[in-house]
Amino acid sequence: MRNSLHIIALGMLVISCGTTQKPVQKVAAKPVPKPTTTAPVKTPVQTPVKPQMDNQGSNHFYKVNIADASKGDNTISYGSVVSANPGRYKVVHSFFPSVGQNFRQRYIILHYTALDHDKSVRVLTEQSVSSHYLVNDTDDREIYQLVDENKRAYHAGISEWRKITNLNDTSIGIEIVNPGYTADAQGVKTFYDYPEWQFKKVGELVKDLVKRYDIKPQNVIAHSDIAPTRKEDPGPKFPWKRLYNEYGVGMWYDDTAKMAFMNQMTPETFALESANSTFIFKYQTFLNDFGYGIMPSGTYDNATKRTIEAFQYHFRPEKYDGIMDLETWAILQALLQKYPAK
């Protein structure tokens, strides 16, 4: 009996040992570190080193061009820099100047006053007409400045050149003391000469303006060019060819090109063509392409006559009857070839 109990106890012990499992030790997961965020570091604005302004008391000048001159941009200020005065705030020039700028002055317009010296001065300084400069009729070393170059003078009036209107906005006006012209009973005009010393004043003045403001030499034009139905100045006596040859400003045609165009048609053939409305429309279009504000119509009207006259004053001063003859037509074509419309 005792042996039976012992056997039973051993069996139970074996069963108990067989079914007892060792406890599984749980390994705690390691915490995943959270990404740390740091505030962005502000870097100071890096600007290229620029030449400093020239400060003279309360006036500021900038005399260096740091812009791309090949694009016509320029940072030079002729005269003191004008700044705002915004109450309790202060305008600073920490980042002056921007390279994205150029000059307002794109054209130079030449005029005569059609008055004597004293009347020219009074009219241009006391009335609602003005010019930036007045070239007097005295053989001296003086040229009168009447308006700041950076301001708008009232000299051009209603005007157009190469689709640009209101030339006062973009030009410098130069008046020259000259009587203009007298007309006889038939309306034939006789213009007055420009003395040599007066021409030289104009040449030096225009050359300086063209250089400083990077004005295209061909943008030196006559009042009669931009207002052909209203104005004649500076007239056929002003030596445009000499201005071109001696000072490198203004426009002039190449003689070889002119002759080549003249040889394309005989005078007889041209005389037959010139009265044709199709040809009139063609030369009106060419005049418009060159710069004059004429609307092609195919009709030879007063506006067409005055526009041809203005063209001849400038480019064929020996004959200014307002008729499109073969030589005038050849000169127009030669000029358009040299200074094409954009």
Protein backbone atom coordinates (compact mmCIF):
# COMPACT_ATOMS: atom_id res chain seq x y z
CA MET A 1 0.00 0.00 0.00
CA ARG A 2 2.80 2.34 0.97
CA ASN A 3 4.59 1.41 -2.26
CA SER A 4 1.48 2.26 -4.29
CA LEU A 5 1.22 5.70 -2.73
CA HIS A 6 4.89 6.32 -3.42
CA ILE A 7 4.44 5.42 -7.08
CA ILE A 8 1.40 7.68 -7.37
CA ALA A 9 3.32 10.54 -5.78
CA LEU A 10 6.24 10.12 -8.14
CA GLY A 11 3.89 10.12 -11.15
CA MET A 12 2.27 13.30 -10.01
CA LEU A 13 5.69 14.88 -9.50
CA VAL A 14 6.73 13.89 -13.05
CA ILE A 15 3.52 15.34 -14.48
CA SER A 16 3.95 18.49 -12.48
CA CYS A 17 7.55 18.94 -13.64
CA GLY A 18 6.59 18.26 -17.28
CA THR A 19 3.85 20.86 -17.36
CA THR A 20 5.60 23.64 -15.42
CA GLN A 21 7.06 26.35 -17.79
CA LYS A 22 9.75 28.80 -16.93
CA PRO A 23 8.42 32.38 -16.80
CA VAL A 24 9.22 34.42 -19.98
CA GLN A 25 11.23 37.51 -19.16
CA LYS A 26 9.81 40.52 -21.00
CA VAL A 27 12.43 42.89 -22.45
CA ALA A 28 11.32 46.48 -22.34
CA ALA A 29 11.51 48.24 -25.76
CA LYS A 30 14.09 50.96 -25.97
CA PRO A 31 12.47 54.35 -26.47
CA VAL A 32 12.97 55.81 -29.98
CA PRO A 33 14.58 59.22 -29.65
CA LYS A 34 12.45 62.04 -31.04
CA PRO A 35 14.08 64.22 -33.68
CA THR A 36 15.20 67.44 -32.20
CA THR A 37 14.10 70.67 -33.91
CA THR A 38 16.17 73.78 -33.78
CA ALA A 39 15.14 77.27 -34.77
CA PRO A 40 16.46 78.29 -38.26
CA VAL A 41 19.49 80.46 -38.08
CA LYS A 42 18.87 83.83 -39.70
CA THR A 43 21.68 84.76 -41.99
CA PRO A 44 22.21 88.41 -42.72
CA VAL A 45 21.40 89.68 -46.22
CA GLN A 46 24.56 89.43 -48.24
CA THR A 47 24.88 92.34 -50.64
CA PRO A 48 27.81 93.03 -52.89
CA VAL A 49 30.07 95.79 -51.77
CA LYS A 50 29.04 98.97 -53.55
CA PRO A 51 30.79 102.28 -53.83
CA GLN A 52 29.43 104.57 -51.15
CA MET A 53 27.39 107.70 -51.76
CA ASP A 54 29.22 110.97 -51.73
CA ASN A 55 27.58 112.89 -48.90
CA GLN A 56 28.09 116.63 -48.85
CA GLY A 57 26.05 117.97 -45.97
CA SER A 58 22.39 117.28 -46.71
CA ASN A 59 23.13 116.56 -50.37
CA HIS A 60 23.88 113.05 -51.59
CA PHE A 61 25.59 112.17 -54.86
CA TYR A 62 26.18 108.85 -56.60
CA LYS A 63 28.85 109.14 -59.28
CA VAL A 64 29.57 105.52 -60.25
CA ASN A 65 27.73 103.23 -62.67
CA ILE A 66 27.46 99.72 -61.20
CA ALA A 67 24.63 98.65 -63.53
CA ASP A 68 24.91 96.76 -66.83
CA ALA A 69 25.78 99.48 -69.32
CA SER A 70 25.29 97.06 -72.23
CA LYS A 71 21.56 97.07 -71.40
CA GLY A 72 21.44 100.84 -71.20
CA ASP A 73 21.21 100.79 -67.39
CA ASN A 74 23.00 103.39 -65.31
CA THR A 75 23.15 104.27 -61.60
CA ILE A 76 24.95 107.61 -61.90
CA SER A 77 23.05 110.63 -60.58
CA TYR A 78 23.90 113.95 -62.18
CA GLY A 79 23.06 116.23 -59.29
CA SER A 80 22.06 115.35 -55.75
CA VAL A 81 19.87 112.31 -55.06
CA VAL A 82 16.33 113.40 -54.19
CA SER A 83 14.77 111.50 -51.28
CA ALA A 84 11.43 111.55 -49.45
CA ASN A 85 10.91 113.11 -46.02
CA PRO A 86 8.28 110.79 -44.46
CA GLY A 87 7.47 112.52 -41.18
CA ARG A 88 8.86 110.70 -38.15
CA TYR A 89 10.57 108.05 -40.30
CA LYS A 90 14.03 108.22 -41.76
CA VAL A 91 14.98 107.36 -45.32
CA VAL A 92 18.29 105.51 -45.36
CA HIS A 93 20.54 104.54 -48.24
CA SER A 94 21.83 101.26 -46.82
CA PHE A 95 21.20 99.35 -50.06
CA PHE A 96 21.38 102.23 -52.52
CA PRO A 97 21.46 102.03 -55.48
CA SER A 98 19.42 99.41 -57.30
CA VAL A 99 21.06 98.36 -60.57
CA GLY A 100 17.67 98.28 -62.31
CA GLN A 101 17.48 101.88 -63.49
CA ASN A 102 18.35 104.13 -66.40
CA PHE A 103 17.99 107.71 -67.54
CA ARG A 104 14.76 109.47 -68.45
CA GLN A 105 16.54 111.35 -71.23
CA ARG A 106 16.28 109.42 -74.52
CA TYR A 107 16.10 112.22 -77.12
CA ILE A 108 17.58 115.66 -77.79
CA ILE A 109 15.38 118.08 -79.70
CA LEU A 110 16.86 121.11 -81.48
CA HIS A 111 14.82 124.31 -81.98
CA TYR A 112 15.26 127.89 -83.06
CA THR A 113 13.53 130.64 -81.08
CA ALA A 114 12.41 132.80 -84.05
CA LEU A 115 13.05 135.74 -81.68
CA ASP A 116 15.92 138.00 -80.79
CA HIS A 117 18.09 137.39 -77.72
CA ASP A 118 16.17 139.39 -75.13
CA LYS A 119 12.74 138.18 -76.23
CA SER A 120 14.01 134.59 -76.32
CA VAL A 121 15.15 134.86 -72.71
CA ARG A 122 11.89 136.44 -71.55
CA VAL A 123 9.63 133.96 -73.33
CA LEU A 124 11.58 130.89 -72.24
CA THR A 125 11.84 131.94 -68.59
CA GLU A 126 8.60 133.84 -67.91
CA GLN A 127 5.95 132.03 -69.96
CA SER A 128 4.56 128.51 -70.20
CA VAL A 129 7.19 127.42 -72.72
CA SER A 130 10.73 126.46 -71.80
CA SER A 131 13.81 124.50 -72.74
CA HIS A 132 16.65 122.97 -70.80
CA TYR A 133 19.25 125.05 -72.62
CA LEU A 134 19.34 128.24 -74.65
CA VAL A 135 22.27 128.83 -77.01
CA ASN A 136 22.65 132.59 -77.33
CA ASP A 137 23.67 134.61 -80.38
CA THR A 138 26.80 136.08 -78.83
CA ASP A 139 30.31 134.95 -79.66
CA ASP A 140 31.24 134.12 -76.06
CA ARG A 141 31.81 131.03 -73.91
CA GLU A 142 28.32 130.89 -72.40
CA ILE A 143 25.33 128.59 -72.83
CA TYR A 144 22.26 129.36 -70.71
CA GLN A 145 20.66 126.59 -68.64
CA LEU A 146 16.99 127.25 -67.93
CA VAL A 147 15.64 123.91 -66.63
CA ASP A 148 17.23 121.13 -64.57
CA GLU A 149 18.11 118.22 -66.90
CA ASN A 150 16.18 115.86 -64.63
CA LYS A 151 12.99 117.88 -64.96
CA ARG A 152 10.52 118.16 -67.82
CA ALA A 153 10.75 121.30 -69.96
CA TYR A 154 7.87 122.47 -72.15
CA HIS A 155 9.48 122.60 -75.57
CA ALA A 156 8.16 119.81 -77.80
CA GLY A 157 4.38 120.23 -77.59
CA ILE A 158 2.22 117.72 -79.44
CA SER A 159 4.88 115.44 -80.88
CA GLU A 160 5.68 111.95 -82.17
CA TRP A 161 8.76 110.08 -83.30
CA ARG A 162 8.89 106.36 -84.07
CA LYS A 163 5.55 105.78 -82.34
CA ILE A 164 6.72 107.59 -79.18
CA THR A 165 4.46 110.53 -78.31
CA ASN A 166 4.74 113.45 -75.88
CA LEU A 167 8.47 113.86 -76.39
CA ASN A 168 8.67 116.35 -73.50
CA ASP A 169 8.63 113.32 -71.20
CA THR A 170 11.80 111.77 -72.58
CA SER A 171 13.84 114.55 -74.12
CA ILE A 172 16.18 117.45 -73.50
CA GLY A 173 15.22 120.60 -75.39
CA ILE A 174 17.81 122.99 -76.82
CA GLU A 175 16.66 126.34 -78.16
CA ILE A 176 18.98 128.36 -80.43
CA VAL A 177 18.58 132.11 -80.78
CA ASN A 178 17.86 132.54 -84.49
CA PRO A 179 15.28 134.68 -86.33
CA GLY A 180 13.86 131.64 -88.14
CA TYR A 181 12.61 132.74 -91.55
CA THR A 182 10.79 135.40 -93.50
CA ALA A 183 8.21 134.66 -96.18
CA ASP A 184 7.43 136.64 -99.32
CA ALA A 185 4.02 137.31 -100.82
CA GLN A 186 4.00 133.90 -102.48
CA GLY A 187 4.84 132.19 -99.19
CA VAL A 188 8.41 131.35 -100.18
CA LYS A 189 10.46 131.06 -96.99
CA THR A 190 13.97 132.42 -96.55
CA PHE A 191 15.79 131.01 -93.53
CA TYR A 192 18.64 132.58 -91.55
CA ASP A 193 22.14 131.17 -91.17
CA TYR A 194 23.75 129.91 -87.97
CA PRO A 195 27.13 131.53 -87.19
CA GLU A 196 30.08 129.18 -86.89
CA TRP A 197 30.62 129.88 -83.20
CA GLN A 198 26.94 129.21 -82.47
CA PHE A 199 27.06 125.88 -84.29
CA LYS A 200 30.12 124.89 -82.24
CA LYS A 201 28.28 125.66 -79.00
CA VAL A 202 25.43 123.41 -80.10
CA GLY A 203 27.82 120.65 -81.17
CA GLU A 204 29.74 120.59 -77.88
CA LEU A 205 26.56 120.74 -75.82
CA VAL A 206 24.84 117.91 -77.71
CA LYS A 207 27.97 115.75 -77.66
CA ASP A 208 28.20 116.08 -73.87
CA LEU A 209 24.51 115.21 -73.34
CA VAL A 210 24.67 112.20 -75.65
CA LYS A 211 27.72 110.86 -73.81
CA ARG A 212 26.47 111.40 -70.26
CA TYR A 213 22.97 110.02 -70.79
CA ASP A 214 23.95 107.29 -73.25
CA ILE A 215 21.53 108.71 -75.82
CA LYS A 216 21.61 107.05 -79.21
CA PRO A 217 23.24 109.48 -81.67
CA GLN A 218 20.30 109.06 -84.08
CA ASN A 219 17.96 110.32 -81.36
CA VAL A 220 19.21 113.87 -81.86
CA ILE A 221 16.42 115.27 -84.02
CA ALA A 222 14.66 118.47 -85.07
CA HIS A 223 11.48 120.00 -83.73
CA SER A 224 10.20 119.80 -87.30
CA ASP A 225 10.85 116.04 -87.28
CA ILE A 226 8.56 115.42 -84.30
CA ALA A 227 5.91 118.00 -85.30
CA PRO A 228 6.19 118.37 -89.10
CA THR A 229 2.75 119.87 -89.67
CA ARG A 230 3.34 122.61 -87.07
CA LYS A 231 7.03 123.46 -86.97
CA GLU A 232 9.98 124.25 -89.22
CA ASP A 233 12.79 124.63 -86.69
CA PRO A 234 15.72 124.55 -86.66
CA GLY A 235 15.21 124.80 -90.43
CA PRO A 236 17.31 123.89 -93.48
CA LYS A 237 20.17 126.24 -92.53
CA PHE A 238 21.15 124.17 -89.51
CA PRO A 239 24.15 122.02 -90.61
CA TRP A 240 23.01 118.53 -89.68
CA LYS A 241 25.62 116.87 -91.90
CA ARG A 242 28.42 118.73 -90.11
CA LEU A 243 26.94 117.82 -86.72
CA TYR A 244 27.11 114.17 -87.78
CA ASN A 245 30.60 114.34 -89.31
CA GLU A 246 32.30 116.57 -86.73
CA TYR A 247 30.59 115.59 -83.48
CA GLY A 248 29.34 112.07 -84.20
CA VAL A 249 25.72 112.79 -83.30
CA GLY A 250 22.53 112.95 -85.31
CA MET A 251 21.81 111.01 -88.50
CA TRP A 252 23.07 111.16 -92.04
CA TYR A 253 22.88 108.83 -95.03
CA ASP A 254 25.73 107.15 -96.90
CA ASP A 255 26.27 108.64 -100.35
CA THR A 256 26.96 105.25 -101.93
CA ALA A 257 23.64 103.91 -100.69
CA LYS A 258 21.83 107.00 -101.96
CA MET A 259 23.34 106.63 -105.43
CA ALA A 260 22.50 102.93 -105.54
CA PHE A 261 18.84 103.71 -104.86
CA MET A 262 18.80 106.55 -107.40
CA ASN A 263 20.13 104.24 -110.10
CA GLN A 264 17.24 101.83 -109.61
CA MET A 265 14.87 104.15 -111.48
CA THR A 266 15.20 106.77 -114.19
CA PRO A 267 13.85 110.27 -113.53
CA GLU A 268 11.24 109.73 -116.27
CA THR A 269 9.99 106.49 -114.74
CA PHE A 270 9.94 108.06 -111.30
CA ALA A 271 7.90 111.02 -112.60
CA LEU A 272 5.26 108.61 -113.87
CA GLU A 273 5.23 106.59 -110.65
CA SER A 274 5.22 109.50 -108.22
CA ALA A 275 1.62 110.55 -108.96
CA ASN A 276 0.30 107.02 -108.47
CA SER A 277 -1.68 106.53 -105.24
CA THR A 278 0.05 103.20 -104.64
CA PHE A 279 3.45 104.88 -104.73
CA ILE A 280 2.24 107.75 -102.54
CA PHE A 281 1.06 105.20 -100.00
CA LYS A 282 4.46 103.52 -100.22
CA TYR A 283 6.55 106.61 -99.49
CA GLN A 284 4.10 107.70 -96.77
CA THR A 285 4.69 104.29 -95.17
CA PHE A 286 8.45 104.71 -95.47
CA LEU A 287 8.27 108.16 -93.85
CA ASN A 288 6.21 106.66 -91.03
CA ASP A 289 8.64 103.76 -90.62
CA PHE A 290 11.54 106.19 -90.43
CA GLY A 291 9.88 108.06 -87.59
CA TYR A 292 7.45 110.71 -88.81
CA GLY A 293 3.93 110.67 -87.44
CA ILE A 294 2.24 110.54 -90.83
CA MET A 295 -0.64 108.15 -91.52
CA PRO A 296 -0.38 106.46 -94.96
CA SER A 297 -3.45 107.21 -97.06
CA GLY A 298 -2.35 107.15 -100.70
CA THR A 299 -3.32 110.81 -101.03
CA TYR A 300 -0.86 113.67 -101.42
CA ASP A 301 -2.38 116.09 -98.92
CA ASN A 302 -1.05 119.04 -96.90
CA ALA A 303 0.16 116.80 -94.08
CA THR A 304 2.18 114.80 -96.59
CA LYS A 305 3.64 117.93 -98.15
CA ARG A 306 4.63 119.35 -94.74
CA THR A 307 6.17 116.03 -93.69
CA ILE A 308 8.28 115.84 -96.87
CA GLU A 309 9.34 119.46 -96.27
CA ALA A 310 10.46 118.60 -92.73
CA PHE A 311 12.40 115.61 -94.07
CA GLN A 312 14.07 117.82 -96.67
CA TYR A 313 14.93 120.51 -94.08
CA HIS A 314 16.92 117.86 -92.25
CA PHE A 315 18.34 115.66 -94.99
CA ARG A 316 18.09 117.59 -98.29
CA PRO A 317 18.37 121.26 -97.32
CA GLU A 318 19.19 122.40 -100.87
CA LYS A 319 15.57 121.76 -101.92
CA TYR A 320 12.63 121.80 -99.53
CA ASP A 321 9.52 122.15 -101.67
CA GLY A 322 7.62 119.26 -100.10
CA ILE A 323 7.67 117.19 -103.29
CA MET A 324 8.92 113.61 -103.24
CA ASP A 325 11.38 113.64 -106.11
CA LEU A 326 13.85 110.90 -107.04
CA GLU A 327 16.71 112.20 -104.88
CA THR A 328 14.51 112.67 -101.82
CA TRP A 329 13.13 109.15 -102.32
CA ALA A 330 16.65 107.71 -102.59
CA ILE A 331 17.79 109.53 -99.43
CA LEU A 332 14.77 108.22 -97.52
CA GLN A 333 15.56 104.64 -98.55
CA ALA A 334 19.25 105.06 -97.69
CA LEU A 335 18.37 106.36 -94.23
CA LEU A 336 15.94 103.54 -93.55
CA GLN A 337 18.59 101.06 -94.60
CA LYS A 338 21.06 102.62 -92.16
CA TYR A 339 18.57 103.28 -89.33
CA PRO A 340 15.90 100.59 -89.73
CA ALA A 341 12.62 100.76 -87.90
CA LYS A 342 12.41 98.32 -84.98
